[in-house]
Amino acid sequence: MKHNNHKDQITSLKRIEGQVRGVQSMINEGKYCIDILNQIKAVKNAVITVEGSILKSHLKACLKESLNEKESFDGKVEEIMKLLKR
């Protein structure tokens, strides 16, 4: 099975990395807790967006490819269910 290329997510991940560094700076500077929490919430939402994009790509490609083989499809569904339960 060919795996999707997710390099289009690198820009978003670098932005998230910068946001996390910003949160660290805010903590080091003793910024207001609510401001820090707002930035952490923004980081979480950005990560969720990247996660959703990669999951959508997986469903459209990998899962779709497995539809022709019942055992493969069932395995992919179980794999996704395990992931979502974490």
PDB file of N, CA and C in Angstrom:
ATOM      1  N   MET A   1       0.837  -1.174   0.000  1.00  0.00           N
ATOM      2  CA  MET A   1       0.000   0.000   0.000  1.00  0.00           C
ATOM      3  C   MET A   1       0.889   1.247   0.000  1.00  0.00           C
ATOM      4  N   LYS A   2       0.534   2.199  -0.858  1.00  0.00           N
ATOM      5  CA  LYS A   2       1.265   3.450  -0.947  1.00  0.00           C
ATOM      6  C   LYS A   2       0.726   4.407   0.127  1.00  0.00           C
ATOM      7  N   HIS A   3       1.623   5.028   0.856  1.00  0.00           N
ATOM      8  CA  HIS A   3       1.215   5.963   1.908  1.00  0.00           C
ATOM      9  C   HIS A   3       1.145   7.378   1.359  1.00  0.00           C
ATOM     10  N   ASN A   4       0.203   8.132   1.875  1.00  0.00           N
ATOM     11  CA  ASN A   4       0.036   9.520   1.451  1.00  0.00           C
ATOM     12  C   ASN A   4       1.230  10.364   1.859  1.00  0.00           C
ATOM     13  N   ASN A   5       1.446  11.414   1.103  1.00  0.00           N
ATOM     14  CA  ASN A   5       2.479  12.380   1.418  1.00  0.00           C
ATOM     15  C   ASN A   5       1.791  13.533   2.161  1.00  0.00           C
ATOM     16  N   HIS A   6       2.253  13.835   3.336  1.00  0.00           N
ATOM     17  CA  HIS A   6       1.634  14.876   4.148  1.00  0.00           C
ATOM     18  C   HIS A   6       2.538  16.099   4.287  1.00  0.00           C
ATOM     19  N   LYS A   7       3.429  16.279   3.328  1.00  0.00           N
ATOM     20  CA  LYS A   7       4.370  17.399   3.410  1.00  0.00           C
ATOM     21  C   LYS A   7       3.665  18.746   3.392  1.00  0.00           C
ATOM     22  N   ASP A   8       2.434  18.776   2.889  1.00  0.00           N
ATOM     23  CA  ASP A   8       1.681  20.030   2.886  1.00  0.00           C
ATOM     24  C   ASP A   8       1.338  20.484   4.304  1.00  0.00           C
ATOM     25  N   GLN A   9       1.526  19.626   5.280  1.00  0.00           N
ATOM     26  CA  GLN A   9       1.242  19.970   6.675  1.00  0.00           C
ATOM     27  C   GLN A   9       2.458  20.577   7.383  1.00  0.00           C
ATOM     28  N   ILE A  10       3.611  20.545   6.734  1.00  0.00           N
ATOM     29  CA  ILE A  10       4.838  21.039   7.359  1.00  0.00           C
ATOM     30  C   ILE A  10       4.713  22.517   7.743  1.00  0.00           C
ATOM     31  N   THR A  11       4.127  23.326   6.860  1.00  0.00           N
ATOM     32  CA  THR A  11       3.966  24.747   7.166  1.00  0.00           C
ATOM     33  C   THR A  11       3.137  24.941   8.428  1.00  0.00           C
ATOM     34  N   SER A  12       2.048  24.201   8.529  1.00  0.00           N
ATOM     35  CA  SER A  12       1.198  24.302   9.722  1.00  0.00           C
ATOM     36  C   SER A  12       1.949  23.841  10.962  1.00  0.00           C
ATOM     37  N   LEU A  13       2.711  22.773  10.829  1.00  0.00           N
ATOM     38  CA  LEU A  13       3.466  22.256  11.983  1.00  0.00           C
ATOM     39  C   LEU A  13       4.544  23.239  12.427  1.00  0.00           C
ATOM     40  N   LYS A  14       5.160  23.912  11.479  1.00  0.00           N
ATOM     41  CA  LYS A  14       6.167  24.929  11.839  1.00  0.00           C
ATOM     42  C   LYS A  14       5.505  26.107  12.547  1.00  0.00           C
ATOM     43  N   ARG A  15       4.302  26.475  12.100  1.00  0.00           N
ATOM     44  CA  ARG A  15       3.554  27.546  12.761  1.00  0.00           C
ATOM     45  C   ARG A  15       3.223  27.126  14.191  1.00  0.00           C
ATOM     46  N   ILE A  16       2.805  25.875  14.359  1.00  0.00           N
ATOM     47  CA  ILE A  16       2.488  25.349  15.696  1.00  0.00           C
ATOM     48  C   ILE A  16       3.737  25.375  16.575  1.00  0.00           C
ATOM     49  N   GLU A  17       4.848  24.976  15.991  1.00  0.00           N
ATOM     50  CA  GLU A  17       6.122  24.997  16.724  1.00  0.00           C
ATOM     51  C   GLU A  17       6.410  26.415  17.230  1.00  0.00           C
ATOM     52  N   GLY A  18       6.184  27.410  16.379  1.00  0.00           N
ATOM     53  CA  GLY A  18       6.383  28.801  16.780  1.00  0.00           C
ATOM     54  C   GLY A  18       5.421  29.217  17.884  1.00  0.00           C
ATOM     55  N   GLN A  19       4.180  28.738  17.783  1.00  0.00           N
ATOM     56  CA  GLN A  19       3.195  29.047  18.825  1.00  0.00           C
ATOM     57  C   GLN A  19       3.623  28.466  20.172  1.00  0.00           C
ATOM     58  N   VAL A  20       4.150  27.243  20.146  1.00  0.00           N
ATOM     59  CA  VAL A  20       4.597  26.605  21.392  1.00  0.00           C
ATOM     60  C   VAL A  20       5.764  27.391  21.982  1.00  0.00           C
ATOM     61  N   ARG A  21       6.687  27.829  21.135  1.00  0.00           N
ATOM     62  CA  ARG A  21       7.796  28.655  21.636  1.00  0.00           C
ATOM     63  C   ARG A  21       7.249  29.957  22.235  1.00  0.00           C
ATOM     64  N   GLY A  22       6.206  30.504  21.602  1.00  0.00           N
ATOM     65  CA  GLY A  22       5.576  31.709  22.133  1.00  0.00           C
ATOM     66  C   GLY A  22       4.978  31.478  23.515  1.00  0.00           C
ATOM     67  N   VAL A  23       4.356  30.329  23.709  1.00  0.00           N
ATOM     68  CA  VAL A  23       3.797  29.982  25.022  1.00  0.00           C
ATOM     69  C   VAL A  23       4.920  29.887  26.053  1.00  0.00           C
ATOM     70  N   GLN A  24       6.028  29.269  25.665  1.00  0.00           N
ATOM     71  CA  GLN A  24       7.173  29.171  26.581  1.00  0.00           C
ATOM     72  C   GLN A  24       7.662  30.557  26.977  1.00  0.00           C
ATOM     73  N   SER A  25       7.736  31.454  26.000  1.00  0.00           N
ATOM     74  CA  SER A  25       8.169  32.831  26.282  1.00  0.00           C
ATOM     75  C   SER A  25       7.194  33.524  27.220  1.00  0.00           C
ATOM     76  N   MET A  26       5.906  33.318  26.972  1.00  0.00           N
ATOM     77  CA  MET A  26       4.900  33.931  27.830  1.00  0.00           C
ATOM     78  C   MET A  26       5.052  33.459  29.274  1.00  0.00           C
ATOM     79  N   ILE A  27       5.321  32.163  29.434  1.00  0.00           N
ATOM     80  CA  ILE A  27       5.507  31.618  30.788  1.00  0.00           C
ATOM     81  C   ILE A  27       6.763  32.208  31.418  1.00  0.00           C
ATOM     82  N   ASN A  28       7.853  32.259  30.649  1.00  0.00           N
ATOM     83  CA  ASN A  28       9.113  32.828  31.163  1.00  0.00           C
ATOM     84  C   ASN A  28       8.959  34.293  31.537  1.00  0.00           C
ATOM     85  N   GLU A  29       8.098  35.007  30.822  1.00  0.00           N
ATOM     86  CA  GLU A  29       7.885  36.437  31.076  1.00  0.00           C
ATOM     87  C   GLU A  29       6.829  36.684  32.144  1.00  0.00           C
ATOM     88  N   GLY A  30       6.207  35.619  32.626  1.00  0.00           N
ATOM     89  CA  GLY A  30       5.212  35.754  33.684  1.00  0.00           C
ATOM     90  C   GLY A  30       3.922  36.408  33.215  1.00  0.00           C
ATOM     91  N   LYS A  31       3.524  36.130  31.988  1.00  0.00           N
ATOM     92  CA  LYS A  31       2.284  36.702  31.440  1.00  0.00           C
ATOM     93  C   LYS A  31       1.064  36.178  32.188  1.00  0.00           C
ATOM     94  N   TYR A  32      -0.042  36.866  31.988  1.00  0.00           N
ATOM     95  CA  TYR A  32      -1.311  36.544  32.638  1.00  0.00           C
ATOM     96  C   TYR A  32      -1.775  35.139  32.231  1.00  0.00           C
ATOM     97  N   CYS A  33      -2.236  34.377  33.218  1.00  0.00           N
ATOM     98  CA  CYS A  33      -2.621  32.973  33.004  1.00  0.00           C
ATOM     99  C   CYS A  33      -3.634  32.799  31.872  1.00  0.00           C
ATOM    100  N   ILE A  34      -4.627  33.651  31.820  1.00  0.00           N
ATOM    101  CA  ILE A  34      -5.664  33.522  30.792  1.00  0.00           C
ATOM    102  C   ILE A  34      -5.066  33.733  29.405  1.00  0.00           C
ATOM    103  N   ASP A  35      -4.132  34.648  29.284  1.00  0.00           N
ATOM    104  CA  ASP A  35      -3.467  34.869  27.994  1.00  0.00           C
ATOM    105  C   ASP A  35      -2.683  33.628  27.573  1.00  0.00           C
ATOM    106  N   ILE A  36      -2.000  33.024  28.523  1.00  0.00           N
ATOM    107  CA  ILE A  36      -1.249  31.786  28.242  1.00  0.00           C
ATOM    108  C   ILE A  36      -2.218  30.683  27.832  1.00  0.00           C
ATOM    109  N   LEU A  37      -3.301  30.546  28.580  1.00  0.00           N
ATOM    110  CA  LEU A  37      -4.287  29.509  28.268  1.00  0.00           C
ATOM    111  C   LEU A  37      -4.917  29.724  26.897  1.00  0.00           C
ATOM    112  N   ASN A  38      -5.157  30.966  26.515  1.00  0.00           N
ATOM    113  CA  ASN A  38      -5.684  31.251  25.177  1.00  0.00           C
ATOM    114  C   ASN A  38      -4.708  30.792  24.095  1.00  0.00           C
ATOM    115  N   GLN A  39      -3.433  31.024  24.324  1.00  0.00           N
ATOM    116  CA  GLN A  39      -2.428  30.586  23.348  1.00  0.00           C
ATOM    117  C   GLN A  39      -2.339  29.057  23.299  1.00  0.00           C
ATOM    118  N   ILE A  40      -2.433  28.417  24.445  1.00  0.00           N
ATOM    119  CA  ILE A  40      -2.414  26.947  24.488  1.00  0.00           C
ATOM    120  C   ILE A  40      -3.622  26.398  23.738  1.00  0.00           C
ATOM    121  N   LYS A  41      -4.772  27.029  23.915  1.00  0.00           N
ATOM    122  CA  LYS A  41      -5.987  26.610  23.198  1.00  0.00           C
ATOM    123  C   LYS A  41      -5.783  26.746  21.691  1.00  0.00           C
ATOM    124  N   ALA A  42      -5.133  27.817  21.257  1.00  0.00           N
ATOM    125  CA  ALA A  42      -4.847  28.016  19.835  1.00  0.00           C
ATOM    126  C   ALA A  42      -3.929  26.918  19.307  1.00  0.00           C
ATOM    127  N   VAL A  43      -2.945  26.530  20.109  1.00  0.00           N
ATOM    128  CA  VAL A  43      -2.035  25.440  19.717  1.00  0.00           C
ATOM    129  C   VAL A  43      -2.816  24.137  19.580  1.00  0.00           C
ATOM    130  N   LYS A  44      -3.654  23.840  20.564  1.00  0.00           N
ATOM    131  CA  LYS A  44      -4.453  22.607  20.518  1.00  0.00           C
ATOM    132  C   LYS A  44      -5.334  22.576  19.280  1.00  0.00           C
ATOM    133  N   ASN A  45      -5.987  23.691  18.984  1.00  0.00           N
ATOM    134  CA  ASN A  45      -6.863  23.739  17.816  1.00  0.00           C
ATOM    135  C   ASN A  45      -6.085  23.568  16.523  1.00  0.00           C
ATOM    136  N   ALA A  46      -4.902  24.141  16.460  1.00  0.00           N
ATOM    137  CA  ALA A  46      -4.068  23.999  15.268  1.00  0.00           C
ATOM    138  C   ALA A  46      -3.637  22.537  15.082  1.00  0.00           C
ATOM    139  N   VAL A  47      -3.282  21.873  16.164  1.00  0.00           N
ATOM    140  CA  VAL A  47      -2.902  20.456  16.090  1.00  0.00           C
ATOM    141  C   VAL A  47      -4.099  19.616  15.647  1.00  0.00           C
ATOM    142  N   ILE A  48      -5.273  19.926  16.173  1.00  0.00           N
ATOM    143  CA  ILE A  48      -6.489  19.201  15.790  1.00  0.00           C
ATOM    144  C   ILE A  48      -6.775  19.384  14.302  1.00  0.00           C
ATOM    145  N   THR A  49      -6.525  20.575  13.787  1.00  0.00           N
ATOM    146  CA  THR A  49      -6.734  20.831  12.363  1.00  0.00           C
ATOM    147  C   THR A  49      -5.792  19.979  11.510  1.00  0.00           C
ATOM    148  N   VAL A  50      -4.526  19.907  11.897  1.00  0.00           N
ATOM    149  CA  VAL A  50      -3.560  19.065  11.168  1.00  0.00           C
ATOM    150  C   VAL A  50      -3.974  17.600  11.271  1.00  0.00           C
ATOM    151  N   GLU A  51      -4.354  17.174  12.463  1.00  0.00           N
ATOM    152  CA  GLU A  51      -4.801  15.796  12.667  1.00  0.00           C
ATOM    153  C   GLU A  51      -5.987  15.479  11.758  1.00  0.00           C
ATOM    154  N   GLY A  52      -6.948  16.381  11.702  1.00  0.00           N
ATOM    155  CA  GLY A  52      -8.131  16.173  10.870  1.00  0.00           C
ATOM    156  C   GLY A  52      -7.789  16.072   9.402  1.00  0.00           C
ATOM    157  N   SER A  53      -6.867  16.886   8.967  1.00  0.00           N
ATOM    158  CA  SER A  53      -6.452  16.859   7.564  1.00  0.00           C
ATOM    159  C   SER A  53      -5.788  15.530   7.209  1.00  0.00           C
ATOM    160  N   ILE A  54      -4.922  15.054   8.083  1.00  0.00           N
ATOM    161  CA  ILE A  54      -4.237  13.781   7.833  1.00  0.00           C
ATOM    162  C   ILE A  54      -5.228  12.622   7.914  1.00  0.00           C
ATOM    163  N   LEU A  55      -6.145  12.667   8.856  1.00  0.00           N
ATOM    164  CA  LEU A  55      -7.169  11.618   8.962  1.00  0.00           C
ATOM    165  C   LEU A  55      -8.049  11.602   7.714  1.00  0.00           C
ATOM    166  N   LYS A  56      -8.464  12.764   7.261  1.00  0.00           N
ATOM    167  CA  LYS A  56      -9.289  12.845   6.048  1.00  0.00           C
ATOM    168  C   LYS A  56      -8.556  12.246   4.857  1.00  0.00           C
ATOM    169  N   SER A  57      -7.296  12.564   4.735  1.00  0.00           N
ATOM    170  CA  SER A  57      -6.479  12.019   3.646  1.00  0.00           C
ATOM    171  C   SER A  57      -6.397  10.501   3.749  1.00  0.00           C
ATOM    172  N   HIS A  58      -6.234  10.012   4.970  1.00  0.00           N
ATOM    173  CA  HIS A  58      -6.159   8.563   5.198  1.00  0.00           C
ATOM    174  C   HIS A  58      -7.471   7.895   4.795  1.00  0.00           C
ATOM    175  N   LEU A  59      -8.578   8.481   5.212  1.00  0.00           N
ATOM    176  CA  LEU A  59      -9.878   7.896   4.883  1.00  0.00           C
ATOM    177  C   LEU A  59     -10.119   7.894   3.376  1.00  0.00           C
ATOM    178  N   LYS A  60      -9.749   8.970   2.718  1.00  0.00           N
ATOM    179  CA  LYS A  60     -10.001   9.084   1.278  1.00  0.00           C
ATOM    180  C   LYS A  60      -9.100   8.164   0.450  1.00  0.00           C
ATOM    181  N   ALA A  61      -7.919   7.892   0.951  1.00  0.00           N
ATOM    182  CA  ALA A  61      -6.975   7.092   0.164  1.00  0.00           C
ATOM    183  C   ALA A  61      -6.825   5.676   0.716  1.00  0.00           C
ATOM    184  N   CYS A  62      -6.263   5.557   1.889  1.00  0.00           N
ATOM    185  CA  CYS A  62      -5.941   4.240   2.451  1.00  0.00           C
ATOM    186  C   CYS A  62      -7.186   3.398   2.706  1.00  0.00           C
ATOM    187  N   LEU A  63      -8.180   3.994   3.324  1.00  0.00           N
ATOM    188  CA  LEU A  63      -9.398   3.239   3.630  1.00  0.00           C
ATOM    189  C   LEU A  63     -10.135   2.897   2.337  1.00  0.00           C
ATOM    190  N   LYS A  64     -10.218   3.843   1.449  1.00  0.00           N
ATOM    191  CA  LYS A  64     -10.882   3.619   0.166  1.00  0.00           C
ATOM    192  C   LYS A  64     -10.218   2.473  -0.599  1.00  0.00           C
ATOM    193  N   GLU A  65      -8.888   2.442  -0.559  1.00  0.00           N
ATOM    194  CA  GLU A  65      -8.130   1.392  -1.248  1.00  0.00           C
ATOM    195  C   GLU A  65      -8.447   0.010  -0.675  1.00  0.00           C
ATOM    196  N   SER A  66      -8.742  -0.040   0.626  1.00  0.00           N
ATOM    197  CA  SER A  66      -8.988  -1.327   1.277  1.00  0.00           C
ATOM    198  C   SER A  66     -10.422  -1.836   1.086  1.00  0.00           C
ATOM    199  N   LEU A  67     -11.289  -1.050   0.461  1.00  0.00           N
ATOM    200  CA  LEU A  67     -12.684  -1.457   0.291  1.00  0.00           C
ATOM    201  C   LEU A  67     -12.846  -2.734  -0.526  1.00  0.00           C
ATOM    202  N   ASN A  68     -11.909  -3.027  -1.381  1.00  0.00           N
ATOM    203  CA  ASN A  68     -11.987  -4.214  -2.230  1.00  0.00           C
ATOM    204  C   ASN A  68     -11.702  -5.506  -1.477  1.00  0.00           C
ATOM    205  N   GLU A  69     -11.071  -5.404  -0.312  1.00  0.00           N
ATOM    206  CA  GLU A  69     -10.719  -6.594   0.467  1.00  0.00           C
ATOM    207  C   GLU A  69     -11.334  -6.469   1.860  1.00  0.00           C
ATOM    208  N   LYS A  70     -12.317  -7.310   2.163  1.00  0.00           N
ATOM    209  CA  LYS A  70     -13.044  -7.200   3.429  1.00  0.00           C
ATOM    210  C   LYS A  70     -12.120  -7.254   4.645  1.00  0.00           C
ATOM    211  N   GLU A  71     -11.180  -8.195   4.668  1.00  0.00           N
ATOM    212  CA  GLU A  71     -10.289  -8.300   5.828  1.00  0.00           C
ATOM    213  C   GLU A  71      -9.454  -7.041   5.986  1.00  0.00           C
ATOM    214  N   SER A  72      -8.967  -6.529   4.880  1.00  0.00           N
ATOM    215  CA  SER A  72      -8.162  -5.312   4.921  1.00  0.00           C
ATOM    216  C   SER A  72      -9.000  -4.134   5.406  1.00  0.00           C
ATOM    217  N   PHE A  73     -10.222  -4.030   4.897  1.00  0.00           N
ATOM    218  CA  PHE A  73     -11.118  -2.944   5.298  1.00  0.00           C
ATOM    219  C   PHE A  73     -11.426  -3.023   6.788  1.00  0.00           C
ATOM    220  N   ASP A  74     -11.784  -4.201   7.267  1.00  0.00           N
ATOM    221  CA  ASP A  74     -12.099  -4.378   8.687  1.00  0.00           C
ATOM    222  C   ASP A  74     -10.898  -3.999   9.556  1.00  0.00           C
ATOM    223  N   GLY A  75      -9.712  -4.377   9.117  1.00  0.00           N
ATOM    224  CA  GLY A  75      -8.496  -4.026   9.850  1.00  0.00           C
ATOM    225  C   GLY A  75      -8.280  -2.527   9.903  1.00  0.00           C
ATOM    226  N   LYS A  76      -8.548  -1.850   8.793  1.00  0.00           N
ATOM    227  CA  LYS A  76      -8.396  -0.392   8.745  1.00  0.00           C
ATOM    228  C   LYS A  76      -9.406   0.293   9.662  1.00  0.00           C
ATOM    229  N   VAL A  77     -10.632  -0.209   9.673  1.00  0.00           N
ATOM    230  CA  VAL A  77     -11.656   0.364  10.550  1.00  0.00           C
ATOM    231  C   VAL A  77     -11.232   0.198  12.010  1.00  0.00           C
ATOM    232  N   GLU A  78     -10.751  -0.978  12.372  1.00  0.00           N
ATOM    233  CA  GLU A  78     -10.301  -1.218  13.744  1.00  0.00           C
ATOM    234  C   GLU A  78      -9.131  -0.303  14.101  1.00  0.00           C
ATOM    235  N   GLU A  79      -8.242  -0.126  13.161  1.00  0.00           N
ATOM    236  CA  GLU A  79      -7.090   0.748  13.356  1.00  0.00           C
ATOM    237  C   GLU A  79      -7.550   2.186  13.670  1.00  0.00           C
ATOM    238  N   ILE A  80      -8.521   2.658  12.925  1.00  0.00           N
ATOM    239  CA  ILE A  80      -9.050   4.005  13.142  1.00  0.00           C
ATOM    240  C   ILE A  80      -9.777   4.099  14.477  1.00  0.00           C
ATOM    241  N   MET A  81     -10.555   3.075  14.801  1.00  0.00           N
ATOM    242  CA  MET A  81     -11.294   3.087  16.065  1.00  0.00           C
ATOM    243  C   MET A  81     -10.322   3.142  17.262  1.00  0.00           C
ATOM    244  N   LYS A  82      -9.244   2.379  17.197  1.00  0.00           N
ATOM    245  CA  LYS A  82      -8.233   2.399  18.254  1.00  0.00           C
ATOM    246  C   LYS A  82      -7.657   3.804  18.402  1.00  0.00           C
ATOM    247  N   LEU A  83      -7.358   4.401  17.265  1.00  0.00           N
ATOM    248  CA  LEU A  83      -6.785   5.744  17.263  1.00  0.00           C
ATOM    249  C   LEU A  83      -7.738   6.747  17.909  1.00  0.00           C
ATOM    250  N   LEU A  84      -9.001   6.679  17.544  1.00  0.00           N
ATOM    251  CA  LEU A  84      -9.980   7.645  18.058  1.00  0.00           C
ATOM    252  C   LEU A  84     -10.271   7.457  19.546  1.00  0.00           C
ATOM    253  N   LYS A  85     -10.042   6.261  20.064  1.00  0.00           N
ATOM    254  CA  LYS A  85     -10.288   5.995  21.494  1.00  0.00           C
ATOM    255  C   LYS A  85      -9.177   6.522  22.376  1.00  0.00           C
ATOM    256  N   ARG A  86      -8.034   6.850  21.811  1.00  0.00           N
ATOM    257  CA  ARG A  86      -6.901   7.338  22.621  1.00  0.00           C
ATOM    258  C   ARG A  86      -7.167   8.722  23.149  1.00  0.00           C
TER     259      ARG A  86
END
